């Protein structure tokens, strides 16, 4: 899921003026309510891990995930459960790959956009049409 290449520079500071090879993926900023796996039914999951999994499975960009990404997320949770008290670089690498932080979303070129209401102005009478009657 990672995109090759360096991070984009701010507008106007780009050295290469050509169009970027990889565009941003825009995802609606609404919680994901689709089908997602549960944590394996083991009693060893801490409350903190269960809360983190609920956050992960409702992130907006998980709508892009396929079965392999969900398996990777479950592997991350297993590693996280074992390493809560002594985090390792492996955890940070996995978090980055899954897009669990704002910085990693930028690296993956995923952008959350606010949903807009679709206005069907063709079927709605405009008040300005009736003001000077």
N, C-alpha and C. Protein backbone atom coordinates (compact mmCIF):
# COMPACT_ATOMS: atom_id res chain seq x y z
N UNK A 1 0.81 -1.18 0.00
CA UNK A 1 0.00 0.00 0.00
C UNK A 1 0.87 1.26 0.00
N UNK A 2 2.13 1.11 0.30
CA UNK A 2 3.02 2.27 0.33
C UNK A 2 3.32 2.76 -1.08
N UNK A 3 3.53 4.05 -1.20
CA UNK A 3 3.84 4.67 -2.48
C UNK A 3 5.32 5.00 -2.51
N UNK A 4 6.00 4.65 -3.60
CA UNK A 4 7.42 4.93 -3.71
C UNK A 4 7.64 6.42 -3.95
N UNK A 5 8.79 6.89 -3.56
CA UNK A 5 9.13 8.29 -3.81
C UNK A 5 9.12 9.12 -2.55
N UNK A 6 9.62 10.33 -2.69
CA UNK A 6 9.70 11.21 -1.53
C UNK A 6 8.36 11.90 -1.29
N UNK A 7 8.25 12.51 -0.13
CA UNK A 7 7.02 13.20 0.26
C UNK A 7 6.86 14.46 -0.59
N UNK A 8 5.62 14.86 -0.89
CA UNK A 8 5.42 16.06 -1.69
C UNK A 8 5.82 17.33 -0.93
N UNK A 9 6.38 18.28 -1.65
CA UNK A 9 6.74 19.57 -1.05
C UNK A 9 5.51 20.49 -1.05
N UNK A 10 5.55 21.54 -0.23
CA UNK A 10 4.44 22.49 -0.23
C UNK A 10 4.26 23.14 -1.61
N UNK A 11 3.07 23.61 -1.88
CA UNK A 11 2.72 24.25 -3.15
C UNK A 11 3.70 25.38 -3.46
N UNK A 12 4.25 25.37 -4.66
CA UNK A 12 5.16 26.41 -5.09
C UNK A 12 6.63 26.12 -4.81
N UNK A 13 6.93 25.10 -4.03
CA UNK A 13 8.31 24.77 -3.73
C UNK A 13 8.81 23.54 -4.48
N UNK A 14 7.97 23.00 -5.34
CA UNK A 14 8.35 21.79 -6.06
C UNK A 14 9.50 22.08 -7.01
N UNK A 15 10.49 21.21 -7.03
CA UNK A 15 11.63 21.36 -7.93
C UNK A 15 11.25 20.82 -9.30
N UNK A 16 10.54 19.70 -9.31
CA UNK A 16 10.11 19.08 -10.56
C UNK A 16 8.70 19.60 -10.87
N UNK A 17 8.54 20.30 -11.96
CA UNK A 17 7.26 20.92 -12.28
C UNK A 17 6.29 20.00 -13.02
N UNK A 18 6.69 18.76 -13.27
CA UNK A 18 5.79 17.84 -13.97
C UNK A 18 4.74 17.28 -13.01
N UNK A 19 3.68 16.76 -13.57
CA UNK A 19 2.61 16.19 -12.76
C UNK A 19 3.13 14.97 -12.00
N UNK A 20 2.78 14.84 -10.72
CA UNK A 20 3.26 13.69 -9.96
C UNK A 20 2.71 12.38 -10.52
N UNK A 21 3.50 11.33 -10.36
CA UNK A 21 3.10 10.02 -10.87
C UNK A 21 1.94 9.46 -10.06
N UNK A 22 1.97 9.69 -8.77
CA UNK A 22 0.93 9.16 -7.88
C UNK A 22 0.09 10.32 -7.36
N UNK A 23 -1.21 10.25 -7.62
CA UNK A 23 -2.10 11.27 -7.10
C UNK A 23 -2.56 10.87 -5.70
N UNK A 24 -3.17 11.82 -5.03
CA UNK A 24 -3.74 11.57 -3.72
C UNK A 24 -5.00 10.73 -3.86
N UNK A 25 -5.21 9.85 -2.90
CA UNK A 25 -6.46 9.10 -2.81
C UNK A 25 -7.32 9.85 -1.81
N UNK A 26 -8.49 10.30 -2.25
CA UNK A 26 -9.38 11.04 -1.36
C UNK A 26 -10.44 10.09 -0.81
N UNK A 27 -10.57 10.09 0.51
CA UNK A 27 -11.50 9.22 1.20
C UNK A 27 -12.43 10.10 2.02
N UNK A 28 -13.74 9.84 1.96
CA UNK A 28 -14.68 10.61 2.75
C UNK A 28 -14.38 10.43 4.23
N UNK A 29 -14.39 11.52 4.97
CA UNK A 29 -14.07 11.51 6.39
C UNK A 29 -15.30 11.09 7.20
N UNK A 30 -15.71 9.85 7.01
CA UNK A 30 -16.81 9.26 7.78
C UNK A 30 -16.35 7.91 8.28
N UNK A 31 -16.75 7.51 9.48
CA UNK A 31 -16.31 6.22 10.01
C UNK A 31 -16.73 5.07 9.10
N UNK A 32 -15.85 4.10 8.96
CA UNK A 32 -16.13 2.92 8.14
C UNK A 32 -17.11 2.03 8.88
N UNK A 33 -18.19 1.71 8.24
CA UNK A 33 -19.22 0.87 8.86
C UNK A 33 -19.38 -0.45 8.12
N UNK A 34 -18.47 -0.75 7.20
CA UNK A 34 -18.54 -2.00 6.44
C UNK A 34 -18.09 -3.19 7.26
N UNK A 35 -17.97 -4.31 6.58
CA UNK A 35 -17.58 -5.54 7.26
C UNK A 35 -16.09 -5.54 7.55
N UNK A 36 -15.77 -5.83 8.80
CA UNK A 36 -14.37 -5.91 9.22
C UNK A 36 -14.25 -7.05 10.21
N UNK A 37 -13.09 -7.68 10.28
CA UNK A 37 -12.94 -8.83 11.19
C UNK A 37 -12.91 -8.40 12.64
N UNK A 38 -13.33 -9.30 13.49
CA UNK A 38 -13.21 -9.11 14.93
C UNK A 38 -11.84 -9.60 15.37
N UNK A 39 -11.43 -9.18 16.55
CA UNK A 39 -10.21 -9.75 17.12
C UNK A 39 -10.46 -11.23 17.36
N UNK A 40 -9.45 -12.07 17.18
CA UNK A 40 -9.65 -13.50 17.47
C UNK A 40 -10.20 -13.68 18.88
N UNK A 41 -11.07 -14.63 19.04
CA UNK A 41 -11.79 -14.80 20.32
C UNK A 41 -10.89 -15.45 21.36
N UNK A 42 -9.95 -14.68 21.82
CA UNK A 42 -9.07 -15.13 22.90
C UNK A 42 -9.28 -14.21 24.09
N UNK A 43 -9.10 -14.72 25.25
CA UNK A 43 -9.32 -13.90 26.44
C UNK A 43 -8.09 -13.07 26.81
N UNK A 44 -7.00 -13.20 26.05
CA UNK A 44 -5.77 -12.50 26.43
C UNK A 44 -5.74 -11.03 25.99
N UNK A 45 -6.73 -10.55 25.26
CA UNK A 45 -6.70 -9.16 24.78
C UNK A 45 -7.01 -8.21 25.94
N UNK A 46 -6.16 -7.23 26.10
CA UNK A 46 -6.40 -6.23 27.15
C UNK A 46 -7.49 -5.26 26.69
N UNK A 47 -8.04 -4.53 27.64
CA UNK A 47 -9.06 -3.54 27.30
C UNK A 47 -8.50 -2.46 26.38
N UNK A 48 -7.26 -2.11 26.59
CA UNK A 48 -6.62 -1.09 25.76
C UNK A 48 -6.50 -1.57 24.31
N UNK A 49 -6.14 -2.83 24.14
CA UNK A 49 -6.04 -3.39 22.79
C UNK A 49 -7.40 -3.46 22.12
N UNK A 50 -8.41 -3.84 22.87
CA UNK A 50 -9.77 -3.90 22.31
C UNK A 50 -10.25 -2.52 21.85
N UNK A 51 -9.96 -1.49 22.67
CA UNK A 51 -10.34 -0.12 22.28
C UNK A 51 -9.58 0.32 21.03
N UNK A 52 -8.30 0.00 20.95
CA UNK A 52 -7.50 0.38 19.79
C UNK A 52 -8.06 -0.30 18.53
N UNK A 53 -8.44 -1.58 18.64
CA UNK A 53 -8.99 -2.28 17.48
C UNK A 53 -10.29 -1.65 17.01
N UNK A 54 -11.12 -1.21 17.95
CA UNK A 54 -12.38 -0.54 17.57
C UNK A 54 -12.10 0.76 16.82
N UNK A 55 -11.06 1.47 17.22
CA UNK A 55 -10.67 2.69 16.52
C UNK A 55 -10.18 2.35 15.12
N UNK A 56 -9.29 1.36 15.02
CA UNK A 56 -8.71 0.99 13.72
C UNK A 56 -9.78 0.54 12.74
N UNK A 57 -10.69 -0.31 13.18
CA UNK A 57 -11.66 -0.88 12.25
C UNK A 57 -12.70 0.12 11.77
N UNK A 58 -12.75 1.31 12.37
CA UNK A 58 -13.69 2.34 11.93
C UNK A 58 -13.01 3.55 11.29
N UNK A 59 -11.68 3.48 11.06
CA UNK A 59 -10.99 4.56 10.36
C UNK A 59 -11.54 4.67 8.93
N UNK A 60 -11.69 5.89 8.42
CA UNK A 60 -12.28 6.05 7.09
C UNK A 60 -11.53 5.34 5.97
N UNK A 61 -10.20 5.31 6.02
CA UNK A 61 -9.45 4.75 4.89
C UNK A 61 -9.42 3.23 4.85
N UNK A 62 -9.96 2.55 5.85
CA UNK A 62 -9.95 1.09 5.79
C UNK A 62 -10.91 0.57 4.73
N UNK A 63 -11.72 1.46 4.17
CA UNK A 63 -12.58 1.04 3.06
C UNK A 63 -11.74 0.61 1.85
N UNK A 64 -10.47 1.03 1.82
CA UNK A 64 -9.57 0.67 0.73
C UNK A 64 -8.87 -0.68 0.96
N UNK A 65 -8.98 -1.21 2.17
CA UNK A 65 -8.25 -2.42 2.53
C UNK A 65 -8.86 -3.66 1.90
N UNK A 66 -7.99 -4.63 1.64
CA UNK A 66 -8.44 -5.95 1.20
C UNK A 66 -8.06 -6.95 2.30
N UNK A 67 -8.29 -8.23 2.06
CA UNK A 67 -8.09 -9.25 3.11
C UNK A 67 -6.66 -9.23 3.66
N UNK A 68 -5.67 -9.02 2.80
CA UNK A 68 -4.28 -9.00 3.27
C UNK A 68 -3.99 -7.85 4.22
N UNK A 69 -4.61 -6.70 3.97
CA UNK A 69 -4.42 -5.56 4.87
C UNK A 69 -5.04 -5.83 6.24
N UNK A 70 -6.21 -6.47 6.25
CA UNK A 70 -6.84 -6.81 7.53
C UNK A 70 -5.97 -7.81 8.30
N UNK A 71 -5.39 -8.78 7.59
CA UNK A 71 -4.50 -9.74 8.26
C UNK A 71 -3.27 -9.03 8.83
N UNK A 72 -2.74 -8.08 8.09
CA UNK A 72 -1.61 -7.30 8.58
C UNK A 72 -2.00 -6.51 9.82
N UNK A 73 -3.20 -5.96 9.83
CA UNK A 73 -3.68 -5.22 11.01
C UNK A 73 -3.84 -6.14 12.21
N UNK A 74 -4.32 -7.35 11.98
CA UNK A 74 -4.45 -8.31 13.09
C UNK A 74 -3.07 -8.72 13.60
N UNK A 75 -2.10 -8.89 12.70
CA UNK A 75 -0.73 -9.18 13.12
C UNK A 75 -0.17 -8.03 13.97
N UNK A 76 -0.46 -6.79 13.54
CA UNK A 76 -0.04 -5.61 14.29
C UNK A 76 -0.64 -5.65 15.70
N UNK A 77 -1.91 -6.01 15.80
CA UNK A 77 -2.55 -6.05 17.12
C UNK A 77 -1.92 -7.12 18.01
N UNK A 78 -1.57 -8.26 17.43
CA UNK A 78 -0.93 -9.32 18.21
C UNK A 78 0.43 -8.83 18.74
N UNK A 79 1.19 -8.19 17.87
CA UNK A 79 2.49 -7.65 18.28
C UNK A 79 2.31 -6.55 19.31
N UNK A 80 1.32 -5.71 19.12
CA UNK A 80 1.05 -4.62 20.05
C UNK A 80 0.70 -5.15 21.44
N UNK A 81 -0.11 -6.20 21.47
CA UNK A 81 -0.50 -6.79 22.76
C UNK A 81 0.72 -7.30 23.53
N UNK A 82 1.69 -7.82 22.79
CA UNK A 82 2.90 -8.35 23.44
C UNK A 82 3.86 -7.23 23.86
N UNK A 83 3.82 -6.08 23.17
CA UNK A 83 4.83 -5.04 23.37
C UNK A 83 4.30 -3.73 23.95
N UNK A 84 3.12 -3.73 24.57
CA UNK A 84 2.55 -2.48 25.09
C UNK A 84 3.55 -1.74 25.98
N UNK A 85 4.23 -2.45 26.85
CA UNK A 85 5.09 -1.79 27.83
C UNK A 85 6.45 -1.40 27.27
N UNK A 86 6.89 -2.06 26.21
CA UNK A 86 8.19 -1.74 25.61
C UNK A 86 8.04 -1.70 24.09
N UNK A 87 7.52 -0.58 23.55
CA UNK A 87 7.31 -0.48 22.10
C UNK A 87 8.62 -0.61 21.33
N UNK A 88 8.52 -1.18 20.15
CA UNK A 88 9.70 -1.38 19.32
C UNK A 88 9.54 -0.63 18.00
N UNK A 89 10.63 -0.57 17.24
CA UNK A 89 10.58 0.06 15.93
C UNK A 89 9.64 -0.70 15.01
N UNK A 90 9.50 -2.00 15.22
CA UNK A 90 8.59 -2.81 14.40
C UNK A 90 7.16 -2.29 14.49
N UNK A 91 6.75 -1.88 15.68
CA UNK A 91 5.39 -1.34 15.84
C UNK A 91 5.22 -0.06 15.03
N UNK A 92 6.20 0.82 15.08
CA UNK A 92 6.12 2.08 14.34
C UNK A 92 6.07 1.83 12.83
N UNK A 93 6.84 0.86 12.36
CA UNK A 93 6.85 0.53 10.93
C UNK A 93 5.49 0.01 10.51
N UNK A 94 4.90 -0.85 11.32
CA UNK A 94 3.57 -1.40 10.99
C UNK A 94 2.51 -0.31 11.05
N UNK A 95 2.58 0.57 12.05
CA UNK A 95 1.62 1.67 12.13
C UNK A 95 1.69 2.55 10.89
N UNK A 96 2.89 2.80 10.43
CA UNK A 96 3.08 3.62 9.23
C UNK A 96 2.48 2.93 8.01
N UNK A 97 2.69 1.65 7.88
CA UNK A 97 2.17 0.91 6.73
C UNK A 97 0.65 0.83 6.71
N UNK A 98 0.04 0.82 7.89
CA UNK A 98 -1.42 0.74 7.98
C UNK A 98 -2.08 2.12 7.92
N UNK A 99 -1.31 3.17 8.03
CA UNK A 99 -1.87 4.52 7.98
C UNK A 99 -2.60 4.88 9.26
N UNK A 100 -2.02 4.57 10.41
CA UNK A 100 -2.69 4.81 11.68
C UNK A 100 -2.42 6.20 12.25
N UNK A 101 -1.53 6.96 11.65
CA UNK A 101 -1.26 8.32 12.11
C UNK A 101 -1.46 9.29 10.95
N UNK A 102 -1.62 10.54 11.26
CA UNK A 102 -1.79 11.56 10.23
C UNK A 102 -0.56 11.62 9.33
N UNK A 103 0.61 11.51 9.92
CA UNK A 103 1.85 11.55 9.15
C UNK A 103 1.93 10.38 8.17
N UNK A 104 1.52 9.20 8.63
CA UNK A 104 1.58 8.04 7.74
C UNK A 104 0.52 8.12 6.64
N UNK A 105 -0.61 8.76 6.91
CA UNK A 105 -1.60 8.97 5.84
C UNK A 105 -1.02 9.84 4.74
N UNK A 106 -0.25 10.85 5.12
CA UNK A 106 0.40 11.69 4.12
C UNK A 106 1.41 10.89 3.30
N UNK A 107 2.18 10.04 3.98
CA UNK A 107 3.15 9.21 3.28
C UNK A 107 2.46 8.28 2.28
N UNK A 108 1.28 7.79 2.64
CA UNK A 108 0.52 6.90 1.76
C UNK A 108 -0.30 7.67 0.73
N UNK A 109 -0.25 9.00 0.82
CA UNK A 109 -1.00 9.90 -0.07
C UNK A 109 -2.50 9.65 0.01
N UNK A 110 -2.96 9.50 1.25
CA UNK A 110 -4.40 9.37 1.52
C UNK A 110 -4.84 10.66 2.19
N UNK A 111 -5.90 11.24 1.67
CA UNK A 111 -6.41 12.50 2.18
C UNK A 111 -7.88 12.32 2.55
N UNK A 112 -8.23 12.70 3.78
CA UNK A 112 -9.63 12.67 4.18
C UNK A 112 -10.30 13.95 3.69
N UNK A 113 -11.47 13.82 3.08
CA UNK A 113 -12.23 14.98 2.63
C UNK A 113 -13.60 14.94 3.29
N UNK A 114 -14.08 16.12 3.61
CA UNK A 114 -15.39 16.21 4.26
C UNK A 114 -16.49 15.92 3.23
N UNK A 115 -17.49 15.14 3.63
CA UNK A 115 -18.59 14.87 2.70
C UNK A 115 -19.41 16.14 2.45
N UNK A 116 -19.88 16.28 1.24
CA UNK A 116 -20.72 17.44 0.90
C UNK A 116 -22.10 16.94 0.54
N UNK A 117 -23.07 17.78 0.80
CA UNK A 117 -24.44 17.44 0.43
C UNK A 117 -24.61 17.68 -1.05
N UNK A 118 -25.11 16.69 -1.74
CA UNK A 118 -25.36 16.84 -3.17
C UNK A 118 -26.62 17.68 -3.35
N UNK A 119 -26.48 18.82 -3.97
CA UNK A 119 -27.64 19.69 -4.17
C UNK A 119 -28.19 19.44 -5.57
N UNK A 120 -29.47 19.16 -5.62
CA UNK A 120 -30.14 18.94 -6.89
C UNK A 120 -30.92 20.21 -7.20
N UNK A 121 -30.19 21.25 -7.63
CA UNK A 121 -30.80 22.55 -7.84
C UNK A 121 -31.72 22.58 -9.05
N UNK A 122 -31.70 21.56 -9.88
CA UNK A 122 -32.57 21.53 -11.05
C UNK A 122 -34.03 21.36 -10.69
N UNK A 123 -34.33 20.71 -9.58
CA UNK A 123 -35.71 20.45 -9.18
C UNK A 123 -36.19 21.40 -8.09
N UNK A 124 -35.37 22.31 -7.66
CA UNK A 124 -35.72 23.20 -6.56
C UNK A 124 -35.94 24.60 -7.11
N UNK A 125 -37.06 25.20 -6.74
CA UNK A 125 -37.33 26.57 -7.18
C UNK A 125 -36.43 27.53 -6.41
N UNK A 126 -35.86 28.47 -7.11
CA UNK A 126 -35.00 29.46 -6.49
C UNK A 126 -35.84 30.64 -6.02
N UNK A 127 -35.64 31.09 -4.81
CA UNK A 127 -36.42 32.17 -4.23
C UNK A 127 -36.23 33.48 -4.99
N UNK A 128 -35.03 33.67 -5.57
CA UNK A 128 -34.78 34.90 -6.30
C UNK A 128 -35.67 35.03 -7.53
N UNK A 129 -36.16 33.94 -8.06
CA UNK A 129 -37.07 33.98 -9.20
C UNK A 129 -38.41 34.59 -8.84
N UNK A 130 -38.78 34.62 -7.57
CA UNK A 130 -40.10 35.09 -7.14
C UNK A 130 -40.04 36.38 -6.33
N UNK A 131 -38.90 37.01 -6.17
CA UNK A 131 -38.77 38.18 -5.31
C UNK A 131 -39.52 39.41 -5.84
N UNK A 132 -39.51 39.70 -7.11
CA UNK A 132 -40.09 40.94 -7.63
C UNK A 132 -41.43 40.71 -8.31
N UNK A 133 -42.22 39.78 -7.85
CA UNK A 133 -43.52 39.53 -8.47
C UNK A 133 -44.57 40.51 -7.99
